[in-house]
Amino acid sequence: MARTAKGAIQTNAAADVADSGPQRQKSTDRVHAALRRKVIDSELAPGSQILEQELAMMLGVSRTPLREALVRLENEGLVEIIPRHGVRIIPMSVADMREIYQVLVGLEGAAASALASQPPTAAALNALEAIYDRMDALLKAGDVTAWALEDERFHLKIVELAGNRRLREIVANCWDQAHRARMFTLRMQTHPQPAQSMKEHRQIIGALRKHDAARAESLLRSHRERGLARQIEIIERYRFTQL
């Protein structure tokens, strides 16, 4: 229970109501972001089960924002809430990965086409060039993990610049699982064809610069399809059934 300024005692329920505004929403957002990161970076092992109390202690938060964050993660397909038994981290199969990439291939291709058709502003093209330059620098420095994160940022930037809010939301809903697969396979082997990938990024920027919607879409689709094939090859080589 909590005391008011007049010395009266509020019940816990009343305190919860008082804390149901923007501050509580920010707390839930922070917990959601922290937990999602632990799941998609595999800090919480796929298939593992953990109690709410353990999660609350791990993050140093109360149960209310934790439960709200877990509901959001369940809706995103990352965890399964098991009443009285905590949560299970939902593993991803190769079939799941294929489905997610099929969605991303189609939507990112559509985003590239839409962006080329607008056509893109100089600022938009400069933003993509800046990401490309960071990727190039990271690759030369041998930081493949940071390079992969910039690669993801390149793809997300194209989706963002396309200006279609609904398309962006659907991509965002799939992105965590795609990131999870990418980071998992990256640990197994460094990127096998960075030079080829960089070449493809340069070609995509070139198609956008020329306002060639069909070529931009085709290049991005084939780029994504090649990446998926390589990730599946690594997973099957090591005989993983889930990740």
Protein backbone atom coordinates (compact mmCIF):
# COMPACT_ATOMS: atom_id res chain seq x y z
CA MET A 1 0.00 0.00 0.00
CA ALA A 2 1.05 3.63 -0.51
CA ARG A 3 0.36 6.87 1.39
CA THR A 4 -1.08 9.96 -0.28
CA ALA A 5 0.19 13.45 0.45
CA LYS A 6 -2.62 13.83 3.02
CA GLY A 7 -1.51 10.73 4.87
CA ALA A 8 -4.39 8.58 3.66
CA ILE A 9 -3.59 5.04 2.58
CA GLN A 10 -4.11 3.97 -1.02
CA THR A 11 -4.75 0.34 -1.83
CA ASN A 12 -2.42 -1.43 -4.24
CA ALA A 13 -5.20 -1.37 -6.80
CA ALA A 14 -5.53 2.39 -6.47
CA ALA A 15 -1.76 2.75 -6.80
CA ASP A 16 -1.90 0.67 -9.96
CA VAL A 17 -4.55 2.99 -11.38
CA ALA A 18 -2.40 5.98 -10.50
CA ASP A 19 0.51 4.30 -12.28
CA SER A 20 -1.46 3.37 -15.39
CA GLY A 21 -0.50 6.43 -17.40
CA PRO A 22 2.48 7.32 -19.60
CA GLN A 23 5.08 6.30 -17.01
CA ARG A 24 3.80 2.74 -16.83
CA GLN A 25 3.62 2.56 -20.62
CA LYS A 26 7.26 3.62 -20.83
CA SER A 27 8.17 0.93 -18.30
CA THR A 28 6.36 -1.71 -20.34
CA ASP A 29 8.09 -0.51 -23.52
CA ARG A 30 11.51 -0.77 -21.85
CA VAL A 31 10.83 -4.28 -20.54
CA HIS A 32 9.47 -5.38 -23.92
CA ALA A 33 12.55 -4.06 -25.73
CA ALA A 34 14.97 -5.70 -23.26
CA LEU A 35 13.22 -9.08 -23.37
CA ARG A 36 12.84 -9.05 -27.14
CA ARG A 37 16.54 -8.39 -27.53
CA LYS A 38 17.39 -11.33 -25.23
CA VAL A 39 15.14 -13.62 -27.26
CA ILE A 40 16.22 -12.64 -30.76
CA ASP A 41 19.91 -12.64 -29.80
CA SER A 42 19.39 -16.12 -28.26
CA GLU A 43 20.46 -15.02 -24.77
CA LEU A 44 17.30 -16.86 -23.71
CA ALA A 45 17.73 -20.24 -25.35
CA PRO A 46 15.11 -21.37 -27.90
CA GLY A 47 12.78 -23.96 -26.35
CA SER A 48 13.73 -23.04 -22.79
CA GLN A 49 11.15 -22.27 -20.11
CA ILE A 50 11.55 -19.61 -17.44
CA LEU A 51 9.39 -18.38 -14.58
CA GLU A 52 8.01 -14.84 -14.49
CA GLN A 53 9.72 -14.30 -11.15
CA GLU A 54 13.09 -15.21 -12.65
CA LEU A 55 12.56 -12.79 -15.52
CA ALA A 56 11.48 -10.04 -13.14
CA MET A 57 14.65 -10.53 -11.07
CA MET A 58 16.82 -10.72 -14.18
CA LEU A 59 15.51 -7.39 -15.45
CA GLY A 60 14.95 -5.75 -12.07
CA VAL A 61 11.31 -4.91 -12.79
CA SER A 62 7.89 -5.47 -11.22
CA ARG A 63 5.39 -8.07 -12.43
CA THR A 64 2.90 -5.66 -14.08
CA PRO A 65 5.10 -4.24 -16.87
CA LEU A 66 6.69 -7.68 -17.27
CA ARG A 67 3.33 -9.37 -17.89
CA GLU A 68 2.27 -6.66 -20.33
CA ALA A 69 5.57 -7.04 -22.18
CA LEU A 70 5.18 -10.83 -22.31
CA VAL A 71 1.70 -10.52 -23.83
CA ARG A 72 3.18 -8.35 -26.57
CA LEU A 73 5.98 -10.85 -27.17
CA GLU A 74 3.44 -13.68 -27.36
CA ASN A 75 1.48 -11.72 -29.96
CA GLU A 76 4.72 -11.33 -31.91
CA GLY A 77 5.24 -15.10 -31.84
CA LEU A 78 8.43 -15.01 -29.76
CA VAL A 79 7.20 -16.58 -26.51
CA GLU A 80 4.38 -18.76 -25.23
CA ILE A 81 2.81 -17.84 -21.89
CA ILE A 82 2.13 -20.95 -19.83
CA PRO A 83 -0.20 -20.16 -16.88
CA ARG A 84 1.50 -20.87 -13.52
CA HIS A 85 4.59 -22.13 -15.32
CA GLY A 86 6.10 -18.96 -16.74
CA VAL A 87 6.96 -18.60 -20.41
CA ARG A 88 8.53 -20.75 -23.09
CA ILE A 89 10.88 -19.27 -25.68
CA ILE A 90 9.41 -20.39 -28.98
CA PRO A 91 12.05 -22.01 -31.21
CA MET A 92 12.07 -21.43 -34.96
CA SER A 93 12.24 -24.27 -37.48
CA VAL A 94 13.69 -24.20 -40.99
CA ALA A 95 10.10 -24.20 -42.27
CA ASP A 96 9.36 -21.12 -40.13
CA MET A 97 12.45 -19.44 -41.53
CA ARG A 98 11.42 -20.15 -45.12
CA GLU A 99 7.97 -18.65 -44.49
CA ILE A 100 9.41 -15.51 -42.87
CA TYR A 101 11.85 -14.95 -45.71
CA GLN A 102 9.12 -15.50 -48.31
CA VAL A 103 7.26 -12.61 -46.71
CA LEU A 104 10.37 -10.43 -46.53
CA VAL A 105 11.39 -11.18 -50.12
CA GLY A 106 7.99 -10.06 -51.39
CA LEU A 107 7.58 -7.02 -49.17
CA GLU A 108 11.14 -5.72 -49.42
CA GLY A 109 10.98 -6.14 -53.19
CA ALA A 110 7.75 -4.13 -53.23
CA ALA A 111 9.37 -1.46 -51.05
CA ALA A 112 12.34 -1.16 -53.42
CA SER A 113 9.98 -0.83 -56.37
CA ALA A 114 7.89 1.81 -54.61
CA LEU A 115 10.96 3.78 -53.58
CA ALA A 116 12.40 3.77 -57.11
CA SER A 117 9.05 4.91 -58.50
CA GLN A 118 8.70 7.94 -56.20
CA PRO A 119 11.56 8.68 -57.17
CA PRO A 120 13.93 8.75 -54.15
CA THR A 121 15.25 12.09 -52.96
CA ALA A 122 18.95 12.90 -52.76
CA ALA A 123 18.66 12.65 -48.97
CA ALA A 124 17.20 9.13 -49.23
CA LEU A 125 19.98 7.97 -51.54
CA ASN A 126 22.61 9.59 -49.33
CA ALA A 127 21.22 7.71 -46.31
CA LEU A 128 21.63 4.39 -48.15
CA GLU A 129 25.10 5.38 -49.35
CA ALA A 130 26.10 6.21 -45.76
CA ILE A 131 25.01 2.75 -44.58
CA TYR A 132 26.89 1.16 -47.48
CA ASP A 133 30.05 3.09 -46.55
CA ARG A 134 29.79 1.92 -42.92
CA MET A 135 29.35 -1.67 -44.11
CA ASP A 136 32.44 -1.34 -46.28
CA ALA A 137 34.50 0.06 -43.40
CA LEU A 138 33.35 -2.66 -41.00
CA LEU A 139 34.10 -5.38 -43.52
CA LYS A 140 37.63 -4.03 -44.02
CA ALA A 141 38.04 -3.96 -40.22
CA GLY A 142 36.97 -7.61 -40.02
CA ASP A 143 33.94 -6.91 -37.81
CA VAL A 144 31.48 -9.26 -39.49
CA THR A 145 28.84 -9.06 -36.74
CA ALA A 146 28.67 -5.26 -36.90
CA TRP A 147 28.69 -5.53 -40.71
CA ALA A 148 25.67 -7.85 -40.57
CA LEU A 149 23.78 -5.38 -38.35
CA GLU A 150 24.46 -2.57 -40.83
CA ASP A 151 23.29 -4.89 -43.60
CA GLU A 152 19.99 -5.27 -41.75
CA ARG A 153 19.83 -1.50 -41.34
CA PHE A 154 20.21 -1.11 -45.12
CA HIS A 155 17.19 -3.31 -45.76
CA LEU A 156 15.09 -1.61 -43.11
CA LYS A 157 16.00 1.82 -44.49
CA ILE A 158 14.65 0.87 -47.92
CA VAL A 159 11.38 -0.23 -46.31
CA GLU A 160 11.23 2.97 -44.27
CA LEU A 161 11.94 5.23 -47.26
CA ALA A 162 9.22 3.55 -49.33
CA GLY A 163 6.74 5.40 -47.11
CA ASN A 164 4.13 2.64 -46.80
CA ARG A 165 3.20 2.43 -43.11
CA ARG A 166 1.36 -0.90 -43.32
CA LEU A 167 4.15 -2.52 -45.29
CA ARG A 168 6.65 -1.27 -42.71
CA GLU A 169 4.59 -2.69 -39.83
CA ILE A 170 4.33 -6.14 -41.44
CA VAL A 171 8.08 -6.21 -42.13
CA ALA A 172 8.77 -5.17 -38.53
CA ASN A 173 6.61 -8.04 -37.30
CA CYS A 174 8.80 -10.53 -39.19
CA TRP A 175 12.10 -8.83 -38.60
CA ASP A 176 12.94 -10.17 -35.16
CA GLN A 177 12.72 -13.76 -36.36
CA ALA A 178 14.81 -13.00 -39.44
CA HIS A 179 17.43 -11.32 -37.22
CA ARG A 180 17.39 -14.33 -34.91
CA ALA A 181 18.12 -16.69 -37.81
CA ARG A 182 20.81 -14.40 -39.18
CA MET A 183 22.65 -14.09 -35.86
CA PHE A 184 22.38 -17.84 -35.24
CA THR A 185 23.94 -18.79 -38.58
CA LEU A 186 26.51 -16.01 -38.30
CA ARG A 187 27.88 -17.72 -35.19
CA MET A 188 28.30 -20.92 -37.16
CA GLN A 189 30.25 -19.30 -39.95
CA THR A 190 31.26 -15.81 -40.98
CA HIS A 191 29.48 -14.43 -44.01
CA PRO A 192 30.65 -16.61 -46.93
CA GLN A 193 30.33 -14.04 -49.73
CA PRO A 194 30.66 -10.50 -48.33
CA ALA A 195 32.08 -9.16 -51.58
CA GLN A 196 29.10 -10.51 -53.53
CA SER A 197 26.67 -9.09 -50.99
CA MET A 198 28.33 -5.66 -51.17
CA LYS A 199 28.17 -5.77 -54.95
CA GLU A 200 24.45 -6.50 -54.78
CA HIS A 201 23.86 -3.60 -52.39
CA ARG A 202 25.69 -1.28 -54.78
CA GLN A 203 23.54 -2.52 -57.67
CA ILE A 204 20.35 -1.92 -55.67
CA ILE A 205 21.39 1.67 -54.93
CA GLY A 206 22.20 2.11 -58.63
CA ALA A 207 18.75 0.91 -59.69
CA LEU A 208 17.11 3.24 -57.17
CA ARG A 209 19.22 6.15 -58.41
CA LYS A 210 18.08 5.44 -62.01
CA HIS A 211 14.42 5.16 -60.87
CA ASP A 212 14.34 1.63 -62.32
CA ALA A 213 11.57 0.07 -60.21
CA ALA A 214 11.56 -3.33 -61.92
CA ARG A 215 15.32 -3.79 -61.60
CA ALA A 216 15.40 -2.56 -57.99
CA GLU A 217 12.73 -5.09 -57.05
CA SER A 218 14.39 -7.92 -58.97
CA LEU A 219 17.81 -7.23 -57.46
CA LEU A 220 16.52 -7.07 -53.90
CA ARG A 221 14.46 -10.24 -54.29
CA SER A 222 17.37 -12.25 -55.68
CA HIS A 223 19.68 -10.84 -52.99
CA ARG A 224 17.30 -11.97 -50.24
CA GLU A 225 16.72 -15.39 -51.85
CA ARG A 226 20.47 -16.03 -52.06
CA GLY A 227 20.88 -15.10 -48.40
CA LEU A 228 18.09 -17.47 -47.36
CA ALA A 229 19.58 -20.35 -49.36
CA ARG A 230 22.95 -19.84 -47.68
CA GLN A 231 21.49 -19.74 -44.18
CA ILE A 232 19.50 -22.92 -44.77
CA GLU A 233 22.62 -24.61 -46.12
CA ILE A 234 24.48 -23.81 -42.88
CA ILE A 235 21.58 -24.99 -40.69
CA GLU A 236 21.25 -28.27 -42.58
CA ARG A 237 25.01 -28.84 -42.61
CA TYR A 238 25.10 -28.76 -38.81
CA ARG A 239 21.80 -30.69 -38.62
CA PHE A 240 19.97 -28.16 -36.49
CA THR A 241 16.24 -28.74 -36.21
CA GLN A 242 15.42 -25.46 -34.48
CA LEU A 243 16.99 -22.12 -33.66
